């Protein structure tokens, strides 16, 4: 699994995913004044709400850890959706799709093995999203779950 298309195909067909998983990558079509404005415009194309300056800024390692956690276990009941090693591999490969010199990483919250908190962008009971922006591209992995 090396390309965005392979990552998306794997996640779209993975039968153990609980809830809704949004996986997308696109070109940045309009210039933005800030990374927050760019993220807000992008998530709105999925019917999500923007957060303006309430997005959390992450470094690459934090983004990889957040993505690994949301792919590894369901948000509502912590049911394993895929082995942690697989989740980390997918997270790393997703982040590698973006220019490492220009990448910015945003999240709507914080997730760890034992807790999560977020600013809602969806209508779901539980959610966690990571948005990646470089000079030309933008992408998201967003997990939504209900209890």
N, C-alpha and C. Protein backbone atom coordinates (compact mmCIF):
# COMPACT_ATOMS: atom_id res chain seq x y z
N UNK A 1 0.84 -1.16 0.00
CA UNK A 1 0.00 0.00 0.00
C UNK A 1 0.90 1.24 0.00
N UNK A 2 1.04 1.85 -1.16
CA UNK A 2 1.95 2.99 -1.28
C UNK A 2 1.24 4.27 -1.71
N UNK A 3 0.25 4.17 -2.57
CA UNK A 3 -0.38 5.36 -3.13
C UNK A 3 -1.67 5.70 -2.36
N UNK A 4 -2.13 6.93 -2.54
CA UNK A 4 -3.39 7.33 -1.93
C UNK A 4 -4.52 6.41 -2.39
N UNK A 5 -4.57 6.08 -3.67
CA UNK A 5 -5.62 5.23 -4.19
C UNK A 5 -5.62 3.86 -3.51
N UNK A 6 -4.44 3.30 -3.26
CA UNK A 6 -4.34 2.01 -2.57
C UNK A 6 -4.80 2.12 -1.11
N UNK A 7 -4.42 3.20 -0.46
CA UNK A 7 -4.84 3.42 0.93
C UNK A 7 -6.36 3.54 0.99
N UNK A 8 -6.92 4.37 0.14
CA UNK A 8 -8.37 4.59 0.13
C UNK A 8 -9.11 3.29 -0.20
N UNK A 9 -8.65 2.56 -1.17
CA UNK A 9 -9.29 1.30 -1.55
C UNK A 9 -9.27 0.31 -0.38
N UNK A 10 -8.13 0.20 0.29
CA UNK A 10 -8.04 -0.70 1.44
C UNK A 10 -9.03 -0.30 2.52
N UNK A 11 -9.05 0.99 2.87
CA UNK A 11 -9.93 1.44 3.96
C UNK A 11 -11.40 1.35 3.57
N UNK A 12 -11.73 1.66 2.32
CA UNK A 12 -13.12 1.59 1.88
C UNK A 12 -13.64 0.16 1.89
N UNK A 13 -12.76 -0.81 1.65
CA UNK A 13 -13.20 -2.21 1.58
C UNK A 13 -12.95 -2.98 2.88
N UNK A 14 -12.34 -2.34 3.86
CA UNK A 14 -12.01 -3.03 5.12
C UNK A 14 -13.29 -3.29 5.91
N UNK A 15 -13.63 -4.55 6.09
CA UNK A 15 -14.93 -4.92 6.67
C UNK A 15 -15.05 -4.65 8.16
N UNK A 16 -13.96 -4.45 8.88
CA UNK A 16 -14.03 -4.25 10.32
C UNK A 16 -14.10 -2.79 10.75
N UNK A 17 -14.19 -1.87 9.79
CA UNK A 17 -14.32 -0.45 10.13
C UNK A 17 -15.71 -0.23 10.74
N UNK A 18 -15.74 0.39 11.90
CA UNK A 18 -17.01 0.71 12.56
C UNK A 18 -17.32 2.18 12.33
N UNK A 19 -18.58 2.50 12.22
CA UNK A 19 -18.97 3.89 12.02
C UNK A 19 -18.70 4.33 10.59
N UNK A 20 -18.42 5.62 10.45
CA UNK A 20 -18.17 6.22 9.14
C UNK A 20 -16.72 6.67 9.09
N UNK A 21 -16.04 6.31 8.02
CA UNK A 21 -14.66 6.74 7.83
C UNK A 21 -14.58 7.53 6.52
N UNK A 22 -14.24 8.80 6.63
CA UNK A 22 -14.05 9.65 5.46
C UNK A 22 -12.56 9.71 5.16
N UNK A 23 -12.18 9.32 3.96
CA UNK A 23 -10.78 9.34 3.52
C UNK A 23 -10.77 10.07 2.18
N UNK A 24 -9.99 11.14 2.11
CA UNK A 24 -9.98 11.92 0.88
C UNK A 24 -8.67 12.67 0.75
N UNK A 25 -8.30 12.93 -0.49
CA UNK A 25 -7.15 13.76 -0.81
C UNK A 25 -7.49 14.49 -2.10
N UNK A 26 -7.17 15.79 -2.15
CA UNK A 26 -7.55 16.58 -3.31
C UNK A 26 -6.52 17.69 -3.51
N UNK A 27 -6.57 18.32 -4.66
CA UNK A 27 -5.73 19.49 -4.91
C UNK A 27 -6.36 20.71 -4.25
N UNK A 28 -5.53 21.61 -3.79
CA UNK A 28 -6.03 22.88 -3.26
C UNK A 28 -6.38 23.74 -4.47
N UNK A 29 -7.64 24.12 -4.58
CA UNK A 29 -8.12 24.81 -5.77
C UNK A 29 -8.16 26.32 -5.62
N UNK A 30 -8.24 26.80 -4.39
CA UNK A 30 -8.30 28.24 -4.16
C UNK A 30 -7.27 28.63 -3.12
N UNK A 31 -6.58 29.73 -3.31
CA UNK A 31 -5.66 30.17 -2.27
C UNK A 31 -6.43 30.59 -1.02
N UNK A 32 -5.84 30.37 0.14
CA UNK A 32 -6.45 30.72 1.41
C UNK A 32 -5.54 31.66 2.18
N UNK A 33 -6.13 32.44 3.05
CA UNK A 33 -5.36 33.34 3.89
C UNK A 33 -4.62 32.60 4.99
N UNK A 34 -5.17 31.44 5.40
CA UNK A 34 -4.56 30.69 6.49
C UNK A 34 -4.84 29.21 6.32
N UNK A 35 -4.09 28.40 7.04
CA UNK A 35 -4.32 26.95 7.03
C UNK A 35 -5.69 26.63 7.61
N UNK A 36 -6.17 27.46 8.56
CA UNK A 36 -7.48 27.24 9.15
C UNK A 36 -8.60 27.46 8.12
N UNK A 37 -8.48 28.53 7.35
CA UNK A 37 -9.46 28.82 6.30
C UNK A 37 -9.45 27.71 5.25
N UNK A 38 -8.27 27.26 4.89
CA UNK A 38 -8.14 26.18 3.90
C UNK A 38 -8.81 24.91 4.41
N UNK A 39 -8.57 24.55 5.66
CA UNK A 39 -9.17 23.35 6.26
C UNK A 39 -10.69 23.51 6.33
N UNK A 40 -11.16 24.68 6.75
CA UNK A 40 -12.60 24.89 6.85
C UNK A 40 -13.29 24.73 5.50
N UNK A 41 -12.74 25.35 4.46
CA UNK A 41 -13.32 25.23 3.13
C UNK A 41 -13.36 23.77 2.67
N UNK A 42 -12.28 23.07 2.95
CA UNK A 42 -12.17 21.67 2.52
C UNK A 42 -13.19 20.78 3.22
N UNK A 43 -13.29 20.87 4.55
CA UNK A 43 -14.20 19.96 5.27
C UNK A 43 -15.66 20.26 4.95
N UNK A 44 -15.95 21.49 4.55
CA UNK A 44 -17.33 21.84 4.21
C UNK A 44 -17.81 21.09 2.97
N UNK A 45 -16.89 20.64 2.13
CA UNK A 45 -17.32 19.88 0.94
C UNK A 45 -17.90 18.51 1.32
N UNK A 46 -17.64 18.06 2.56
CA UNK A 46 -18.21 16.80 3.06
C UNK A 46 -19.46 17.05 3.91
N UNK A 47 -19.87 18.31 4.01
CA UNK A 47 -20.99 18.65 4.87
C UNK A 47 -20.59 18.84 6.32
N UNK A 48 -19.28 18.89 6.58
CA UNK A 48 -18.78 19.11 7.93
C UNK A 48 -18.74 20.61 8.23
N UNK A 49 -18.64 20.94 9.50
CA UNK A 49 -18.52 22.32 9.94
C UNK A 49 -17.05 22.69 10.09
N UNK A 50 -16.71 23.92 9.71
CA UNK A 50 -15.37 24.42 9.92
C UNK A 50 -15.17 24.81 11.39
N UNK A 51 -13.92 24.94 11.78
CA UNK A 51 -13.59 25.29 13.17
C UNK A 51 -12.85 26.61 13.31
N UNK A 52 -12.54 27.26 12.21
CA UNK A 52 -11.77 28.49 12.24
C UNK A 52 -10.48 28.26 13.03
N UNK A 53 -10.23 29.04 14.04
CA UNK A 53 -8.97 28.91 14.78
C UNK A 53 -9.03 27.88 15.90
N UNK A 54 -10.11 27.10 15.96
CA UNK A 54 -10.21 26.05 16.98
C UNK A 54 -9.59 24.72 16.53
N UNK A 55 -9.04 24.68 15.32
CA UNK A 55 -8.28 23.51 14.89
C UNK A 55 -7.04 23.40 15.78
N UNK A 56 -6.67 22.18 16.13
CA UNK A 56 -5.44 21.93 16.88
C UNK A 56 -4.30 21.73 15.89
N UNK A 57 -3.21 22.42 16.09
CA UNK A 57 -2.03 22.26 15.24
C UNK A 57 -1.21 21.10 15.80
N UNK A 58 -0.86 20.16 14.93
CA UNK A 58 -0.08 18.99 15.32
C UNK A 58 1.25 19.00 14.58
N UNK A 59 2.23 18.29 15.13
CA UNK A 59 3.43 18.00 14.34
C UNK A 59 3.19 16.66 13.64
N UNK A 60 4.12 16.26 12.79
CA UNK A 60 3.91 15.04 12.00
C UNK A 60 3.75 13.81 12.88
N UNK A 61 4.54 13.71 13.94
CA UNK A 61 4.46 12.55 14.83
C UNK A 61 3.11 12.49 15.53
N UNK A 62 2.60 13.64 15.96
CA UNK A 62 1.28 13.67 16.60
C UNK A 62 0.18 13.32 15.61
N UNK A 63 0.31 13.79 14.38
CA UNK A 63 -0.67 13.45 13.35
C UNK A 63 -0.66 11.95 13.08
N UNK A 64 0.53 11.36 12.99
CA UNK A 64 0.63 9.91 12.75
C UNK A 64 0.02 9.13 13.90
N UNK A 65 0.27 9.57 15.12
CA UNK A 65 -0.29 8.88 16.30
C UNK A 65 -1.81 9.00 16.31
N UNK A 66 -2.34 10.18 16.04
CA UNK A 66 -3.80 10.37 16.00
C UNK A 66 -4.44 9.49 14.92
N UNK A 67 -3.85 9.50 13.73
CA UNK A 67 -4.39 8.66 12.65
C UNK A 67 -4.33 7.18 13.03
N UNK A 68 -3.23 6.76 13.63
CA UNK A 68 -3.10 5.35 14.05
C UNK A 68 -4.20 4.97 15.02
N UNK A 69 -4.47 5.86 15.98
CA UNK A 69 -5.49 5.57 16.99
C UNK A 69 -6.89 5.48 16.37
N UNK A 70 -7.23 6.39 15.46
CA UNK A 70 -8.58 6.35 14.91
C UNK A 70 -8.78 5.20 13.92
N UNK A 71 -7.69 4.68 13.37
CA UNK A 71 -7.79 3.52 12.47
C UNK A 71 -7.72 2.20 13.24
N UNK A 72 -7.08 2.20 14.37
CA UNK A 72 -6.86 0.98 15.15
C UNK A 72 -8.12 0.51 15.89
N UNK A 73 -8.78 1.42 16.61
CA UNK A 73 -9.95 1.03 17.42
C UNK A 73 -11.10 2.00 17.18
N UNK A 74 -12.31 1.45 17.29
CA UNK A 74 -13.50 2.29 17.14
C UNK A 74 -13.56 3.30 18.29
N UNK A 75 -14.13 4.46 18.00
CA UNK A 75 -14.20 5.52 19.00
C UNK A 75 -15.19 5.20 20.11
N UNK A 76 -16.32 4.58 19.78
CA UNK A 76 -17.36 4.36 20.77
C UNK A 76 -17.02 3.25 21.76
N UNK A 77 -16.59 2.11 21.27
CA UNK A 77 -16.42 0.95 22.16
C UNK A 77 -15.01 0.37 22.14
N UNK A 78 -14.09 1.05 21.52
CA UNK A 78 -12.68 0.60 21.45
C UNK A 78 -12.55 -0.82 20.90
N UNK A 79 -13.39 -1.15 19.93
CA UNK A 79 -13.29 -2.44 19.25
C UNK A 79 -12.17 -2.35 18.23
N UNK A 80 -11.28 -3.35 18.22
CA UNK A 80 -10.18 -3.32 17.26
C UNK A 80 -10.73 -3.45 15.84
N UNK A 81 -10.36 -2.48 15.01
CA UNK A 81 -10.77 -2.50 13.61
C UNK A 81 -9.66 -3.05 12.72
N UNK A 82 -8.42 -2.88 13.17
CA UNK A 82 -7.27 -3.44 12.47
C UNK A 82 -6.11 -3.48 13.46
N UNK A 83 -5.13 -4.34 13.24
CA UNK A 83 -3.97 -4.37 14.14
C UNK A 83 -3.27 -3.00 14.17
N UNK A 84 -2.71 -2.66 15.32
CA UNK A 84 -2.03 -1.38 15.47
C UNK A 84 -0.92 -1.22 14.44
N UNK A 85 -0.20 -2.29 14.15
CA UNK A 85 0.88 -2.21 13.16
C UNK A 85 0.34 -1.79 11.79
N UNK A 86 -0.79 -2.34 11.40
CA UNK A 86 -1.42 -1.97 10.13
C UNK A 86 -1.88 -0.52 10.15
N UNK A 87 -2.50 -0.11 11.26
CA UNK A 87 -2.98 1.27 11.39
C UNK A 87 -1.81 2.26 11.30
N UNK A 88 -0.71 1.94 11.95
CA UNK A 88 0.47 2.82 11.88
C UNK A 88 1.02 2.89 10.46
N UNK A 89 1.05 1.76 9.78
CA UNK A 89 1.54 1.72 8.39
C UNK A 89 0.67 2.60 7.50
N UNK A 90 -0.65 2.49 7.63
CA UNK A 90 -1.56 3.29 6.81
C UNK A 90 -1.39 4.77 7.14
N UNK A 91 -1.30 5.09 8.43
CA UNK A 91 -1.12 6.49 8.83
C UNK A 91 0.15 7.06 8.22
N UNK A 92 1.24 6.33 8.33
CA UNK A 92 2.52 6.79 7.77
C UNK A 92 2.44 6.98 6.26
N UNK A 93 1.84 6.02 5.57
CA UNK A 93 1.74 6.11 4.11
C UNK A 93 0.82 7.25 3.68
N UNK A 94 -0.25 7.49 4.44
CA UNK A 94 -1.13 8.62 4.12
C UNK A 94 -0.35 9.93 4.25
N UNK A 95 0.38 10.09 5.34
CA UNK A 95 1.15 11.32 5.56
C UNK A 95 2.25 11.50 4.52
N UNK A 96 2.79 10.39 4.02
CA UNK A 96 3.84 10.46 2.99
C UNK A 96 3.32 10.94 1.64
N UNK A 97 2.01 11.04 1.49
CA UNK A 97 1.44 11.54 0.23
C UNK A 97 1.64 13.05 0.08
N UNK A 98 2.05 13.71 1.17
CA UNK A 98 2.17 15.16 1.20
C UNK A 98 3.63 15.58 1.27
N UNK A 99 3.92 16.75 0.71
CA UNK A 99 5.29 17.30 0.68
C UNK A 99 5.77 17.52 2.12
N UNK A 100 6.80 16.80 2.55
CA UNK A 100 7.25 16.91 3.95
C UNK A 100 7.82 18.28 4.31
N UNK A 101 8.25 19.05 3.32
CA UNK A 101 8.81 20.38 3.60
C UNK A 101 7.74 21.42 3.88
N UNK A 102 6.53 21.20 3.36
CA UNK A 102 5.46 22.21 3.47
C UNK A 102 4.24 21.75 4.24
N UNK A 103 4.25 20.54 4.77
CA UNK A 103 3.03 19.99 5.36
C UNK A 103 2.68 20.64 6.69
N UNK A 104 1.37 20.89 6.84
CA UNK A 104 0.77 21.36 8.08
C UNK A 104 -0.25 20.31 8.49
N UNK A 105 -0.33 20.07 9.79
CA UNK A 105 -1.21 19.01 10.30
C UNK A 105 -2.18 19.62 11.30
N UNK A 106 -3.46 19.38 11.07
CA UNK A 106 -4.50 19.91 11.94
C UNK A 106 -5.42 18.79 12.40
N UNK A 107 -5.96 18.94 13.57
CA UNK A 107 -6.93 17.98 14.09
C UNK A 107 -8.04 18.73 14.79
N UNK A 108 -9.20 18.11 14.88
CA UNK A 108 -10.29 18.73 15.61
C UNK A 108 -10.28 18.34 17.08
N UNK A 109 -9.25 17.64 17.52
CA UNK A 109 -9.18 17.26 18.93
C UNK A 109 -7.93 16.50 19.28
N UNK A 110 -8.03 15.75 20.37
CA UNK A 110 -6.92 14.96 20.88
C UNK A 110 -7.43 13.56 21.17
N UNK A 111 -6.63 12.57 20.81
CA UNK A 111 -6.99 11.19 21.09
C UNK A 111 -5.77 10.45 21.62
N UNK A 112 -6.01 9.61 22.62
CA UNK A 112 -4.97 8.73 23.14
C UNK A 112 -5.61 7.36 23.33
N UNK A 113 -4.84 6.43 23.84
CA UNK A 113 -5.36 5.08 24.02
C UNK A 113 -6.56 5.05 24.97
N UNK A 114 -6.60 5.99 25.92
CA UNK A 114 -7.63 5.93 26.96
C UNK A 114 -8.63 7.07 26.94
N UNK A 115 -8.43 8.08 26.10
CA UNK A 115 -9.37 9.20 26.11
C UNK A 115 -9.36 9.93 24.77
N UNK A 116 -10.41 10.73 24.59
CA UNK A 116 -10.50 11.57 23.40
C UNK A 116 -11.33 12.80 23.74
N UNK A 117 -10.97 13.91 23.15
CA UNK A 117 -11.77 15.13 23.26
C UNK A 117 -11.69 15.84 21.91
N UNK A 118 -12.76 16.53 21.53
CA UNK A 118 -12.77 17.12 20.20
C UNK A 118 -13.73 18.30 20.13
N UNK A 119 -13.50 19.12 19.13
CA UNK A 119 -14.42 20.16 18.70
C UNK A 119 -15.19 19.55 17.54
N UNK A 120 -16.51 19.46 17.62
CA UNK A 120 -17.26 18.74 16.59
C UNK A 120 -17.25 19.44 15.23
N UNK A 121 -17.04 18.63 14.21
CA UNK A 121 -17.21 19.10 12.83
C UNK A 121 -18.34 18.34 12.13
N UNK A 122 -18.77 17.21 12.73
CA UNK A 122 -19.85 16.40 12.17
C UNK A 122 -21.03 16.42 13.12
N UNK A 123 -22.08 15.69 12.77
CA UNK A 123 -23.25 15.54 13.63
C UNK A 123 -23.17 14.26 14.46
N UNK A 124 -22.08 13.52 14.35
CA UNK A 124 -21.94 12.24 15.07
C UNK A 124 -21.67 12.46 16.55
N UNK A 125 -21.99 11.43 17.33
CA UNK A 125 -21.76 11.48 18.77
C UNK A 125 -20.27 11.57 19.08
N UNK A 126 -19.47 10.82 18.35
CA UNK A 126 -18.02 10.80 18.55
C UNK A 126 -17.35 10.95 17.19
N UNK A 127 -16.21 11.64 17.20
CA UNK A 127 -15.49 11.85 15.94
C UNK A 127 -14.06 12.26 16.23
N UNK A 128 -13.23 12.07 15.25
CA UNK A 128 -11.85 12.55 15.30
C UNK A 128 -11.40 12.68 13.86
N UNK A 129 -10.79 13.84 13.54
CA UNK A 129 -10.34 14.09 12.18
C UNK A 129 -8.93 14.65 12.19
N UNK A 130 -8.16 14.26 11.18
CA UNK A 130 -6.85 14.84 10.92
C UNK A 130 -6.86 15.35 9.49
N UNK A 131 -6.49 16.61 9.33
CA UNK A 131 -6.40 17.25 8.02
C UNK A 131 -4.93 17.56 7.77
N UNK A 132 -4.46 17.25 6.56
CA UNK A 132 -3.07 17.53 6.18
C UNK A 132 -3.10 18.47 4.97
N UNK A 133 -2.29 19.52 5.05
CA UNK A 133 -2.22 20.52 3.99
C UNK A 133 -0.76 20.72 3.60
N UNK A 134 -0.46 20.67 2.31
CA UNK A 134 0.87 21.10 1.85
C UNK A 134 0.63 22.21 0.82
N UNK A 135 1.61 22.57 0.08
CA UNK A 135 1.46 23.68 -0.87
C UNK A 135 0.46 23.44 -1.98
N UNK A 136 0.21 22.18 -2.33
CA UNK A 136 -0.64 21.87 -3.46
C UNK A 136 -1.85 21.00 -3.12
N UNK A 137 -1.73 20.19 -2.06
CA UNK A 137 -2.75 19.19 -1.77
C UNK A 137 -3.29 19.33 -0.36
N UNK A 138 -4.47 18.74 -0.16
CA UNK A 138 -5.09 18.68 1.15
C UNK A 138 -5.77 17.32 1.28
N UNK A 139 -5.78 16.77 2.48
CA UNK A 139 -6.40 15.48 2.69
C UNK A 139 -6.96 15.35 4.09
N UNK A 140 -7.81 14.36 4.27
CA UNK A 140 -8.45 14.13 5.56
C UNK A 140 -8.67 12.65 5.79
N UNK A 141 -8.53 12.25 7.02
CA UNK A 141 -9.10 10.99 7.51
C UNK A 141 -9.92 11.40 8.73
N UNK A 142 -11.22 11.11 8.67
CA UNK A 142 -12.14 11.46 9.74
C UNK A 142 -12.95 10.23 10.11
N UNK A 143 -12.90 9.86 11.39
CA UNK A 143 -13.69 8.74 11.90
C UNK A 143 -14.87 9.30 12.66
N UNK A 144 -16.04 8.74 12.40
CA UNK A 144 -17.25 9.10 13.13
C UNK A 144 -17.83 7.83 13.71
N UNK A 145 -18.39 7.91 14.93
CA UNK A 145 -18.97 6.73 15.57
C UNK A 145 -20.14 7.16 16.45
N UNK A 146 -21.00 6.23 16.74
CA UNK A 146 -22.17 6.44 17.61
C UNK A 146 -22.12 5.41 18.73
N UNK A 147 -22.57 5.84 19.91
CA UNK A 147 -22.63 4.86 21.01
C UNK A 147 -24.05 4.43 21.27
